[in-house]
All heavy atoms as atom14 arrays in JSON, in Angstrom:
{
  "sequence": "RTNYRVIIPMLPIYELPLLTTGIKSLAKFVHKFIKYKKLEQVT",
  "atom14_mask": [
    [1, 1, 1, 1, 1, 1, 1, 1, 1, 1, 1, 0, 0, 0],
    [1, 1, 1, 1, 1, 1, 1, 0, 0, 0, 0, 0, 0, 0],
    [1, 1, 1, 1, 1, 1, 1, 1, 0, 0, 0, 0, 0, 0],
    [1, 1, 1, 1, 1, 1, 1, 1, 1, 1, 1, 1, 0, 0],
    [1, 1, 1, 1, 1, 1, 1, 1, 1, 1, 1, 0, 0, 0],
    [1, 1, 1, 1, 1, 1, 1, 0, 0, 0, 0, 0, 0, 0],
    [1, 1, 1, 1, 1, 1, 1, 1, 0, 0, 0, 0, 0, 0],
    [1, 1, 1, 1, 1, 1, 1, 1, 0, 0, 0, 0, 0, 0],
    [1, 1, 1, 1, 1, 1, 1, 0, 0, 0, 0, 0, 0, 0],
    [1, 1, 1, 1, 1, 1, 1, 1, 0, 0, 0, 0, 0, 0],
    [1, 1, 1, 1, 1, 1, 1, 1, 0, 0, 0, 0, 0, 0],
    [1, 1, 1, 1, 1, 1, 1, 0, 0, 0, 0, 0, 0, 0],
    [1, 1, 1, 1, 1, 1, 1, 1, 0, 0, 0, 0, 0, 0],
    [1, 1, 1, 1, 1, 1, 1, 1, 1, 1, 1, 1, 0, 0],
    [1, 1, 1, 1, 1, 1, 1, 1, 1, 0, 0, 0, 0, 0],
    [1, 1, 1, 1, 1, 1, 1, 1, 0, 0, 0, 0, 0, 0],
    [1, 1, 1, 1, 1, 1, 1, 0, 0, 0, 0, 0, 0, 0],
    [1, 1, 1, 1, 1, 1, 1, 1, 0, 0, 0, 0, 0, 0],
    [1, 1, 1, 1, 1, 1, 1, 1, 0, 0, 0, 0, 0, 0],
    [1, 1, 1, 1, 1, 1, 1, 0, 0, 0, 0, 0, 0, 0],
    [1, 1, 1, 1, 1, 1, 1, 0, 0, 0, 0, 0, 0, 0],
    [1, 1, 1, 1, 0, 0, 0, 0, 0, 0, 0, 0, 0, 0],
    [1, 1, 1, 1, 1, 1, 1, 1, 0, 0, 0, 0, 0, 0],
    [1, 1, 1, 1, 1, 1, 1, 1, 1, 0, 0, 0, 0, 0],
    [1, 1, 1, 1, 1, 1, 0, 0, 0, 0, 0, 0, 0, 0],
    [1, 1, 1, 1, 1, 1, 1, 1, 0, 0, 0, 0, 0, 0],
    [1, 1, 1, 1, 1, 0, 0, 0, 0, 0, 0, 0, 0, 0],
    [1, 1, 1, 1, 1, 1, 1, 1, 1, 0, 0, 0, 0, 0],
    [1, 1, 1, 1, 1, 1, 1, 1, 1, 1, 1, 0, 0, 0],
    [1, 1, 1, 1, 1, 1, 1, 0, 0, 0, 0, 0, 0, 0],
    [1, 1, 1, 1, 1, 1, 1, 1, 1, 1, 0, 0, 0, 0],
    [1, 1, 1, 1, 1, 1, 1, 1, 1, 0, 0, 0, 0, 0],
    [1, 1, 1, 1, 1, 1, 1, 1, 1, 1, 1, 0, 0, 0],
    [1, 1, 1, 1, 1, 1, 1, 1, 0, 0, 0, 0, 0, 0],
    [1, 1, 1, 1, 1, 1, 1, 1, 1, 0, 0, 0, 0, 0],
    [1, 1, 1, 1, 1, 1, 1, 1, 1, 1, 1, 1, 0, 0],
    [1, 1, 1, 1, 1, 1, 1, 1, 1, 0, 0, 0, 0, 0],
    [1, 1, 1, 1, 1, 1, 1, 1, 1, 0, 0, 0, 0, 0],
    [1, 1, 1, 1, 1, 1, 1, 1, 0, 0, 0, 0, 0, 0],
    [1, 1, 1, 1, 1, 1, 1, 1, 1, 0, 0, 0, 0, 0],
    [1, 1, 1, 1, 1, 1, 1, 1, 1, 0, 0, 0, 0, 0],
    [1, 1, 1, 1, 1, 1, 1, 0, 0, 0, 0, 0, 0, 0],
    [1, 1, 1, 1, 1, 1, 1, 0, 0, 0, 0, 0, 0, 0]
  ],
  "atom14_positions": [
    [[3.61, 4.24, 28.79], [4.9, 4.85, 28.36], [6.07, 4.57, 29.28], [7.25, 4.87, 28.91], [4.62, 6.39, 28.17], [4.35, 7.08, 29.48], [4.1, 8.58, 29.22], [3.61, 9.25, 30.39], [3.28, 10.55, 30.46], [3.47, 11.24, 29.4], [2.79, 11.02, 31.54], [0.0, 0.0, 0.0], [0.0, 0.0, 0.0], [0.0, 0.0, 0.0]],
    [[5.83, 4.12, 30.51], [6.87, 3.81, 31.41], [7.66, 2.53, 30.93], [8.87, 2.37, 31.27], [6.43, 3.66, 32.83], [5.35, 2.71, 32.8], [5.97, 4.92, 33.38], [0.0, 0.0, 0.0], [0.0, 0.0, 0.0], [0.0, 0.0, 0.0], [0.0, 0.0, 0.0], [0.0, 0.0, 0.0], [0.0, 0.0, 0.0], [0.0, 0.0, 0.0]],
    [[7.06, 1.62, 30.3], [7.61, 0.31, 29.88], [7.72, 0.17, 28.38], [8.33, -0.81, 27.92], [6.93, -0.81, 30.49], [7.03, -0.86, 31.99], [8.09, -0.66, 32.53], [5.95, -0.96, 32.7], [0.0, 0.0, 0.0], [0.0, 0.0, 0.0], [0.0, 0.0, 0.0], [0.0, 0.0, 0.0], [0.0, 0.0, 0.0], [0.0, 0.0, 0.0]],
    [[7.03, 0.96, 27.61], [7.0, 0.78, 26.13], [7.2, 2.17, 25.5], [7.05, 3.17, 26.07], [5.63, 0.23, 25.72], [5.31, -1.12, 26.22], [4.67, -1.36, 27.49], [5.71, -2.27, 25.5], [4.45, -2.61, 27.91], [5.5, -3.53, 25.93], [4.84, -3.8, 27.16], [4.59, -4.97, 27.66], [0.0, 0.0, 0.0], [0.0, 0.0, 0.0]],
    [[7.45, 2.05, 24.2], [7.47, 3.27, 23.39], [6.16, 3.33, 22.66], [5.8, 2.57, 21.83], [8.64, 3.17, 22.32], [8.71, 4.45, 21.47], [9.9, 4.29, 20.49], [10.03, 5.45, 19.61], [10.78, 5.53, 18.53], [11.52, 4.47, 18.23], [10.78, 6.63, 17.77], [0.0, 0.0, 0.0], [0.0, 0.0, 0.0], [0.0, 0.0, 0.0]],
    [[5.35, 4.4, 23.12], [4.01, 4.52, 22.53], [3.99, 5.66, 21.52], [4.31, 6.72, 21.8], [3.05, 4.85, 23.73], [1.59, 4.94, 23.23], [3.11, 3.86, 24.88], [0.0, 0.0, 0.0], [0.0, 0.0, 0.0], [0.0, 0.0, 0.0], [0.0, 0.0, 0.0], [0.0, 0.0, 0.0], [0.0, 0.0, 0.0], [0.0, 0.0, 0.0]],
    [[3.61, 5.23, 20.29], [3.55, 6.16, 19.19], [2.21, 6.22, 18.55], [1.57, 5.22, 18.36], [4.59, 5.73, 18.06], [6.02, 5.61, 18.7], [4.59, 6.76, 16.98], [7.02, 5.07, 17.66], [0.0, 0.0, 0.0], [0.0, 0.0, 0.0], [0.0, 0.0, 0.0], [0.0, 0.0, 0.0], [0.0, 0.0, 0.0], [0.0, 0.0, 0.0]],
    [[1.72, 7.42, 18.3], [0.42, 7.63, 17.68], [0.58, 8.5, 16.44], [0.68, 9.77, 16.67], [-0.67, 8.21, 18.59], [-0.55, 7.64, 20.03], [-2.01, 8.12, 18.04], [-1.56, 8.25, 20.97], [0.0, 0.0, 0.0], [0.0, 0.0, 0.0], [0.0, 0.0, 0.0], [0.0, 0.0, 0.0], [0.0, 0.0, 0.0], [0.0, 0.0, 0.0]],
    [[0.55, 8.02, 15.26], [0.53, 8.89, 14.12], [-0.87, 9.54, 13.87], [-1.85, 8.77, 14.02], [0.93, 7.99, 12.91], [0.51, 6.65, 13.36], [0.52, 6.63, 14.88], [0.0, 0.0, 0.0], [0.0, 0.0, 0.0], [0.0, 0.0, 0.0], [0.0, 0.0, 0.0], [0.0, 0.0, 0.0], [0.0, 0.0, 0.0], [0.0, 0.0, 0.0]],
    [[-0.94, 10.71, 13.49], [-2.23, 11.35, 13.17], [-2.57, 10.9, 11.72], [-1.79, 11.19, 10.78], [-2.15, 12.88, 13.2], [-3.49, 13.57, 13.15], [-4.42, 13.42, 14.65], [-6.07, 13.75, 14.09], [0.0, 0.0, 0.0], [0.0, 0.0, 0.0], [0.0, 0.0, 0.0], [0.0, 0.0, 0.0], [0.0, 0.0, 0.0], [0.0, 0.0, 0.0]],
    [[-3.61, 10.12, 11.58], [-3.98, 9.61, 10.18], [-4.54, 10.79, 9.32], [-5.34, 11.56, 9.77], [-5.06, 8.53, 10.33], [-4.65, 7.31, 11.16], [-5.82, 6.31, 11.27], [-3.44, 6.6, 10.51], [0.0, 0.0, 0.0], [0.0, 0.0, 0.0], [0.0, 0.0, 0.0], [0.0, 0.0, 0.0], [0.0, 0.0, 0.0], [0.0, 0.0, 0.0]],
    [[-4.02, 10.85, 8.09], [-4.37, 12.02, 7.2], [-5.71, 11.83, 6.56], [-5.88, 11.95, 5.32], [-3.18, 12.02, 6.21], [-2.91, 10.57, 6.08], [-3.07, 9.93, 7.45], [0.0, 0.0, 0.0], [0.0, 0.0, 0.0], [0.0, 0.0, 0.0], [0.0, 0.0, 0.0], [0.0, 0.0, 0.0], [0.0, 0.0, 0.0], [0.0, 0.0, 0.0]],
    [[-6.73, 11.68, 7.32], [-8.08, 11.43, 6.81], [-8.57, 12.57, 5.92], [-9.26, 12.37, 4.94], [-9.08, 11.09, 7.93], [-8.72, 9.75, 8.55], [-10.53, 11.04, 7.45], [-9.35, 9.45, 9.91], [0.0, 0.0, 0.0], [0.0, 0.0, 0.0], [0.0, 0.0, 0.0], [0.0, 0.0, 0.0], [0.0, 0.0, 0.0], [0.0, 0.0, 0.0]],
    [[-8.29, 13.78, 6.34], [-8.77, 14.95, 5.7], [-7.77, 15.52, 4.7], [-8.03, 16.49, 4.03], [-9.17, 16.04, 6.7], [-10.03, 15.5, 7.81], [-9.68, 15.66, 9.12], [-11.22, 14.9, 7.51], [-10.42, 15.17, 10.17], [-12.06, 14.39, 8.52], [-11.65, 14.59, 9.81], [-12.42, 14.05, 10.85], [0.0, 0.0, 0.0], [0.0, 0.0, 0.0]],
    [[-6.58, 14.92, 4.61], [-5.56, 15.54, 3.75], [-5.32, 14.73, 2.46], [-4.68, 15.27, 1.52], [-4.17, 15.58, 4.48], [-4.11, 16.61, 5.57], [-4.82, 16.19, 6.84], [-4.66, 14.98, 7.2], [-5.42, 17.02, 7.54], [0.0, 0.0, 0.0], [0.0, 0.0, 0.0], [0.0, 0.0, 0.0], [0.0, 0.0, 0.0], [0.0, 0.0, 0.0]],
    [[-5.8, 13.53, 2.37], [-5.63, 12.7, 1.16], [-6.43, 13.28, 0.03], [-7.46, 13.82, 0.21], [-6.09, 11.28, 1.43], [-5.31, 10.42, 2.39], [-6.09, 9.17, 2.67], [-3.86, 10.06, 1.86], [0.0, 0.0, 0.0], [0.0, 0.0, 0.0], [0.0, 0.0, 0.0], [0.0, 0.0, 0.0], [0.0, 0.0, 0.0], [0.0, 0.0, 0.0]],
    [[-5.89, 13.13, -1.18], [-6.71, 13.51, -2.44], [-8.0, 12.73, -2.37], [-7.96, 11.53, -2.03], [-5.83, 13.09, -3.56], [-4.44, 13.03, -3.02], [-4.6, 12.64, -1.57], [0.0, 0.0, 0.0], [0.0, 0.0, 0.0], [0.0, 0.0, 0.0], [0.0, 0.0, 0.0], [0.0, 0.0, 0.0], [0.0, 0.0, 0.0], [0.0, 0.0, 0.0]],
    [[-9.08, 13.33, -2.79], [-10.39, 12.66, -2.65], [-10.38, 11.32, -3.41], [-10.93, 10.35, -2.89], [-11.47, 13.59, -3.22], [-12.96, 13.12, -2.97], [-13.2, 12.87, -1.47], [-13.93, 14.12, -3.54], [0.0, 0.0, 0.0], [0.0, 0.0, 0.0], [0.0, 0.0, 0.0], [0.0, 0.0, 0.0], [0.0, 0.0, 0.0], [0.0, 0.0, 0.0]],
    [[-9.8, 11.26, -4.61], [-9.8, 10.02, -5.36], [-9.04, 8.87, -4.64], [-9.33, 7.75, -4.91], [-9.17, 10.27, -6.76], [-10.05, 11.07, -7.69], [-9.21, 11.36, -8.99], [-11.36, 10.37, -8.06], [0.0, 0.0, 0.0], [0.0, 0.0, 0.0], [0.0, 0.0, 0.0], [0.0, 0.0, 0.0], [0.0, 0.0, 0.0], [0.0, 0.0, 0.0]],
    [[-8.09, 9.24, -3.79], [-7.43, 8.13, -3.06], [-7.76, 8.04, -1.64], [-7.11, 7.34, -0.87], [-5.86, 8.32, -3.2], [-5.48, 9.59, -2.63], [-5.39, 8.36, -4.68], [0.0, 0.0, 0.0], [0.0, 0.0, 0.0], [0.0, 0.0, 0.0], [0.0, 0.0, 0.0], [0.0, 0.0, 0.0], [0.0, 0.0, 0.0], [0.0, 0.0, 0.0]],
    [[-8.84, 8.69, -1.2], [-9.25, 8.58, 0.17], [-9.9, 7.2, 0.44], [-10.98, 6.86, -0.07], [-10.29, 9.72, 0.52], [-9.72, 11.01, 0.39], [-10.87, 9.52, 1.93], [0.0, 0.0, 0.0], [0.0, 0.0, 0.0], [0.0, 0.0, 0.0], [0.0, 0.0, 0.0], [0.0, 0.0, 0.0], [0.0, 0.0, 0.0], [0.0, 0.0, 0.0]],
    [[-9.23, 6.38, 1.19], [-9.75, 5.09, 1.5], [-8.83, 4.28, 2.51], [-7.79, 4.8, 2.92], [0.0, 0.0, 0.0], [0.0, 0.0, 0.0], [0.0, 0.0, 0.0], [0.0, 0.0, 0.0], [0.0, 0.0, 0.0], [0.0, 0.0, 0.0], [0.0, 0.0, 0.0], [0.0, 0.0, 0.0], [0.0, 0.0, 0.0], [0.0, 0.0, 0.0]],
    [[-9.29, 3.14, 2.81], [-8.59, 2.28, 3.84], [-7.15, 2.0, 3.32], [-6.19, 2.05, 4.11], [-9.37, 0.96, 4.06], [-10.65, 1.28, 4.63], [-8.54, 0.1, 5.05], [-10.75, 1.87, 6.08], [0.0, 0.0, 0.0], [0.0, 0.0, 0.0], [0.0, 0.0, 0.0], [0.0, 0.0, 0.0], [0.0, 0.0, 0.0], [0.0, 0.0, 0.0]],
    [[-7.02, 1.57, 2.12], [-5.69, 1.13, 1.62], [-4.73, 2.33, 1.63], [-3.5, 2.16, 1.95], [-5.8, 0.63, 0.2], [-6.44, -0.77, 0.09], [-6.41, -1.35, -1.33], [-6.97, -2.69, -1.43], [-6.94, -3.2, -2.86], [0.0, 0.0, 0.0], [0.0, 0.0, 0.0], [0.0, 0.0, 0.0], [0.0, 0.0, 0.0], [0.0, 0.0, 0.0]],
    [[-5.14, 3.51, 1.29], [-4.29, 4.73, 1.32], [-3.78, 4.92, 2.78], [-2.62, 5.32, 2.99], [-4.95, 5.92, 0.8], [-5.21, 5.76, -0.54], [0.0, 0.0, 0.0], [0.0, 0.0, 0.0], [0.0, 0.0, 0.0], [0.0, 0.0, 0.0], [0.0, 0.0, 0.0], [0.0, 0.0, 0.0], [0.0, 0.0, 0.0], [0.0, 0.0, 0.0]],
    [[-4.69, 4.75, 3.7], [-4.24, 4.99, 5.18], [-3.21, 3.92, 5.54], [-2.28, 4.21, 6.29], [-5.48, 4.96, 6.08], [-6.36, 6.13, 6.08], [-7.51, 6.08, 7.06], [-5.68, 7.5, 6.21], [0.0, 0.0, 0.0], [0.0, 0.0, 0.0], [0.0, 0.0, 0.0], [0.0, 0.0, 0.0], [0.0, 0.0, 0.0], [0.0, 0.0, 0.0]],
    [[-3.44, 2.69, 5.13], [-2.53, 1.59, 5.51], [-1.15, 1.85, 4.86], [-0.1, 1.64, 5.49], [-3.08, 0.23, 5.05], [0.0, 0.0, 0.0], [0.0, 0.0, 0.0], [0.0, 0.0, 0.0], [0.0, 0.0, 0.0], [0.0, 0.0, 0.0], [0.0, 0.0, 0.0], [0.0, 0.0, 0.0], [0.0, 0.0, 0.0], [0.0, 0.0, 0.0]],
    [[-1.14, 2.36, 3.66], [0.13, 2.77, 2.94], [0.78, 3.83, 3.77], [2.05, 3.83, 3.87], [-0.14, 3.17, 1.52], [-0.44, 1.99, 0.61], [-0.82, 2.48, -0.83], [-1.16, 1.33, -1.74], [-1.69, 1.83, -3.09], [0.0, 0.0, 0.0], [0.0, 0.0, 0.0], [0.0, 0.0, 0.0], [0.0, 0.0, 0.0], [0.0, 0.0, 0.0]],
    [[0.02, 4.83, 4.21], [0.56, 5.95, 4.96], [1.28, 5.41, 6.33], [2.33, 5.85, 6.62], [-0.52, 6.89, 5.32], [-0.11, 8.02, 6.27], [0.47, 9.17, 5.83], [-0.26, 7.9, 7.66], [0.87, 10.15, 6.71], [0.12, 8.85, 8.56], [0.68, 10.08, 8.08], [0.0, 0.0, 0.0], [0.0, 0.0, 0.0], [0.0, 0.0, 0.0]],
    [[0.56, 4.54, 6.96], [1.14, 3.96, 8.2], [2.38, 3.14, 7.92], [3.42, 3.28, 8.65], [0.11, 3.11, 8.94], [0.71, 2.44, 10.22], [-1.11, 3.95, 9.36], [0.0, 0.0, 0.0], [0.0, 0.0, 0.0], [0.0, 0.0, 0.0], [0.0, 0.0, 0.0], [0.0, 0.0, 0.0], [0.0, 0.0, 0.0], [0.0, 0.0, 0.0]],
    [[2.4, 2.41, 6.84], [3.62, 1.67, 6.45], [4.77, 2.5, 6.17], [5.89, 2.33, 6.6], [3.32, 0.78, 5.23], [4.54, 0.06, 4.68], [5.18, -0.92, 5.4], [5.14, 0.25, 3.44], [6.21, -1.34, 4.7], [6.19, -0.66, 3.54], [0.0, 0.0, 0.0], [0.0, 0.0, 0.0], [0.0, 0.0, 0.0], [0.0, 0.0, 0.0]],
    [[4.42, 3.65, 5.48], [5.51, 4.68, 5.17], [6.03, 5.25, 6.45], [7.2, 5.54, 6.52], [4.84, 5.77, 4.26], [5.81, 6.78, 3.63], [5.07, 7.72, 2.74], [5.97, 8.91, 2.29], [5.16, 9.87, 1.64], [0.0, 0.0, 0.0], [0.0, 0.0, 0.0], [0.0, 0.0, 0.0], [0.0, 0.0, 0.0], [0.0, 0.0, 0.0]],
    [[5.1, 5.52, 7.38], [5.5, 6.13, 8.69], [6.39, 5.14, 9.48], [7.41, 5.51, 10.0], [4.34, 6.44, 9.52], [4.63, 6.92, 10.92], [5.05, 8.29, 11.1], [4.41, 6.11, 12.09], [5.37, 8.75, 12.38], [4.77, 6.63, 13.32], [5.14, 7.88, 13.44], [0.0, 0.0, 0.0], [0.0, 0.0, 0.0], [0.0, 0.0, 0.0]],
    [[6.09, 3.87, 9.45], [6.88, 2.82, 10.1], [8.31, 2.73, 9.51], [9.3, 2.71, 10.32], [6.2, 1.45, 10.0], [4.97, 1.37, 10.93], [7.17, 0.32, 10.35], [4.11, 0.18, 10.72], [0.0, 0.0, 0.0], [0.0, 0.0, 0.0], [0.0, 0.0, 0.0], [0.0, 0.0, 0.0], [0.0, 0.0, 0.0], [0.0, 0.0, 0.0]],
    [[8.34, 2.84, 8.19], [9.65, 2.83, 7.54], [10.43, 4.08, 7.84], [11.65, 4.07, 8.12], [9.63, 2.64, 6.0], [8.94, 1.25, 5.62], [9.78, 0.16, 6.26], [9.1, -1.2, 6.08], [9.72, -2.2, 7.01], [0.0, 0.0, 0.0], [0.0, 0.0, 0.0], [0.0, 0.0, 0.0], [0.0, 0.0, 0.0], [0.0, 0.0, 0.0]],
    [[9.76, 5.24, 7.84], [10.42, 6.57, 8.03], [11.02, 6.53, 9.54], [12.16, 7.06, 9.72], [9.41, 7.69, 7.98], [9.89, 8.98, 8.35], [10.79, 9.72, 7.53], [9.53, 9.56, 9.53], [11.26, 10.94, 7.87], [10.03, 10.83, 9.97], [10.89, 11.51, 9.09], [11.41, 12.77, 9.46], [0.0, 0.0, 0.0], [0.0, 0.0, 0.0]],
    [[10.29, 5.96, 10.44], [10.78, 5.97, 11.88], [11.65, 4.85, 12.14], [12.13, 4.56, 13.26], [9.6, 6.01, 12.77], [8.71, 7.26, 12.75], [9.56, 8.52, 13.12], [9.99, 8.61, 14.5], [10.75, 9.82, 14.79], [0.0, 0.0, 0.0], [0.0, 0.0, 0.0], [0.0, 0.0, 0.0], [0.0, 0.0, 0.0], [0.0, 0.0, 0.0]],
    [[11.95, 3.94, 11.11], [12.79, 2.72, 11.28], [12.3, 1.85, 12.4], [13.09, 1.4, 13.25], [14.3, 3.14, 11.46], [14.86, 3.92, 10.26], [16.3, 4.3, 10.54], [16.99, 4.75, 9.32], [16.4, 6.06, 8.81], [0.0, 0.0, 0.0], [0.0, 0.0, 0.0], [0.0, 0.0, 0.0], [0.0, 0.0, 0.0], [0.0, 0.0, 0.0]],
    [[11.05, 1.62, 12.44], [10.32, 0.75, 13.48], [10.31, -0.63, 13.02], [10.19, -0.91, 11.83], [8.98, 1.27, 13.81], [8.72, 2.78, 14.14], [7.3, 3.09, 14.35], [9.64, 3.07, 15.46], [0.0, 0.0, 0.0], [0.0, 0.0, 0.0], [0.0, 0.0, 0.0], [0.0, 0.0, 0.0], [0.0, 0.0, 0.0], [0.0, 0.0, 0.0]],
    [[10.47, -1.57, 13.91], [10.51, -2.99, 13.53], [9.55, -3.77, 14.48], [9.55, -3.55, 15.65], [11.79, -3.54, 13.58], [12.73, -3.05, 12.51], [14.13, -3.71, 12.62], [14.43, -4.5, 13.51], [15.01, -3.41, 11.72], [0.0, 0.0, 0.0], [0.0, 0.0, 0.0], [0.0, 0.0, 0.0], [0.0, 0.0, 0.0], [0.0, 0.0, 0.0]],
    [[8.77, -4.62, 13.93], [7.86, -5.54, 14.75], [7.15, -4.87, 15.77], [7.26, -5.03, 17.0], [8.84, -6.61, 15.36], [9.41, -7.64, 14.37], [8.31, -8.7, 14.02], [8.03, -9.55, 14.75], [7.83, -8.57, 12.8], [0.0, 0.0, 0.0], [0.0, 0.0, 0.0], [0.0, 0.0, 0.0], [0.0, 0.0, 0.0], [0.0, 0.0, 0.0]],
    [[6.21, -4.0, 15.3], [5.39, -3.18, 16.17], [4.17, -3.99, 16.62], [3.75, -4.79, 15.98], [4.93, -1.83, 15.54], [6.17, -1.08, 15.09], [3.98, -2.0, 14.41], [0.0, 0.0, 0.0], [0.0, 0.0, 0.0], [0.0, 0.0, 0.0], [0.0, 0.0, 0.0], [0.0, 0.0, 0.0], [0.0, 0.0, 0.0], [0.0, 0.0, 0.0]],
    [[3.7, -3.61, 17.85], [2.34, -4.03, 18.29], [1.43, -2.94, 17.9], [1.51, -1.86, 18.45], [2.33, -4.37, 19.76], [3.2, -5.5, 19.96], [0.9, -4.78, 20.19], [0.0, 0.0, 0.0], [0.0, 0.0, 0.0], [0.0, 0.0, 0.0], [0.0, 0.0, 0.0], [0.0, 0.0, 0.0], [0.0, 0.0, 0.0], [0.0, 0.0, 0.0]]
  ]
}
């Protein structure tokens, strides 16, 4: 954190509707978070 911006989103593993609980839904969630925070070119 002294040289980088370190961000950890809490993945909504237990909050997703059961029918959409899966890897793709989590990836969509992270993409949405990246756009919401206006992040670019993350590692």
